[in-house]
Amino acid sequence: MADGYVWGRGALDMKGGVAMMLAAFLRAKAEGLVPPGDVVLVLVSDEERGGNLGSEYLVENHAYLFDGIRYAIGEFGGCTFYVGRKRFYPIMVAEKQPCLIEASVLGQGGYFTLAIRGGTMAKLGWTLQQLDRHRTPLHITSVARQSIKAMADALPFPSNLIIRQLLTPKLSGGVLRLLGAKGEVFEPMLHNTVKATVISGADNITVLPERISLTLTCLLLPGYSPDDMISELREILGDDIEFKVTTPYGKAPAEPDMGLFDTLGKILHEADPDGIPLPLLLPAPTDGRFFSQLGIQTYGFLPMNLPRDFNFWQTVHAANERIPVEALTFGADAIYKVLQRFGIKGNSII
């Protein structure tokens, strides 16, 4: 601990969040809190590696532990996000789903002395350029609409007008270009995204490969499937590429259960009267996608009142990862209030 921060790899993601949850859990026990329903604390270790040995294993082999549970809280959400002079607290209510697709580029192969033009390497270069230059089609999900509208309603002119145009199909692309780096926050909320991550072909430097396989790491919006993603890729890359889905995929619910959202928003507003809670479509997957298979709605709710000059996404996983001590206290207090108020018949989960 130094200069008002706790420093260390994982301080933001996810040791700080675990500390908040555990502090709230132990405080409830120490103070004799009788919550409206049972509370289950689940800590797993492999979310960053896909969650297969943690949350997925629990859901597939020990689902009885979560009988009757309707709501969960986890990462990410409740962190301050500044636009102009306004301070927002996005609460994750939906998340994008991961999907790996193998794209195979085919062409003439042979010995490296051959004067081959337009072979697989050339086609690979063209494919990568196309993926870099083109966005997949715009999709305005209900969560993205709610989030952008809530933000626009809170902003003054002309910022409100600009943000609202993200929801207009003919103008959305131009607005993203106008926003520049700031548009990087919004683009993944409005598009299925794809990134080339692994390339494999011949393993001999004297051979021109007939096939080069490209692993595409895709993140799909709620309600969309790998088949939808492949259709969008064909619009960009044409029909000469072979596509194959290489990972199991569980389609996420198109609509989230918003039953606990108002409670979470009120807790944040009480802690920071100038803060504005809004729903968030997280452009990344969490372990919540596994619990959704049991009908559990996960909210990203690890509240952190971060300074205006603190860039959350550039600090996570970085060499200077850190979290303000005040943010840890802020989050632990907020989560404790959730235990007091979640107020549904049956059980809940943290």
Foldseek 3Di string as FASTA:
>chain_A
DPPQWDWDACCVPPVLVVLLVVLLVVVCVVVVPDFLADAAAADDDCFVVPCCVGLLCCCVPPVVVCPQAAAAEADDWQEWDDDVPATATAKEQAEWWKFKKKKKFFADKDFQVDPDDPGRVVLVVVLQVLLVPDFFAWDCAPQLLQQLQLVLVPDDPPVSVLSNCCPPRVCVVVSLVVCPPVSVQNVLNTGWHKDFDDKDFDPDPGMGGRMIITMIIIIHAAPDDVVNVVVRSCVRSNDNMDMDTDDDTDHHHSDGDCLQVVVLQVLSCVLPVRYHYGYDHHSHDGSVRSVVVVNYGYMHAQHFHDDPPDDVVVQNSDPGNIHRPVRSVSRSVSVSVCSHPVDDPGHHYD
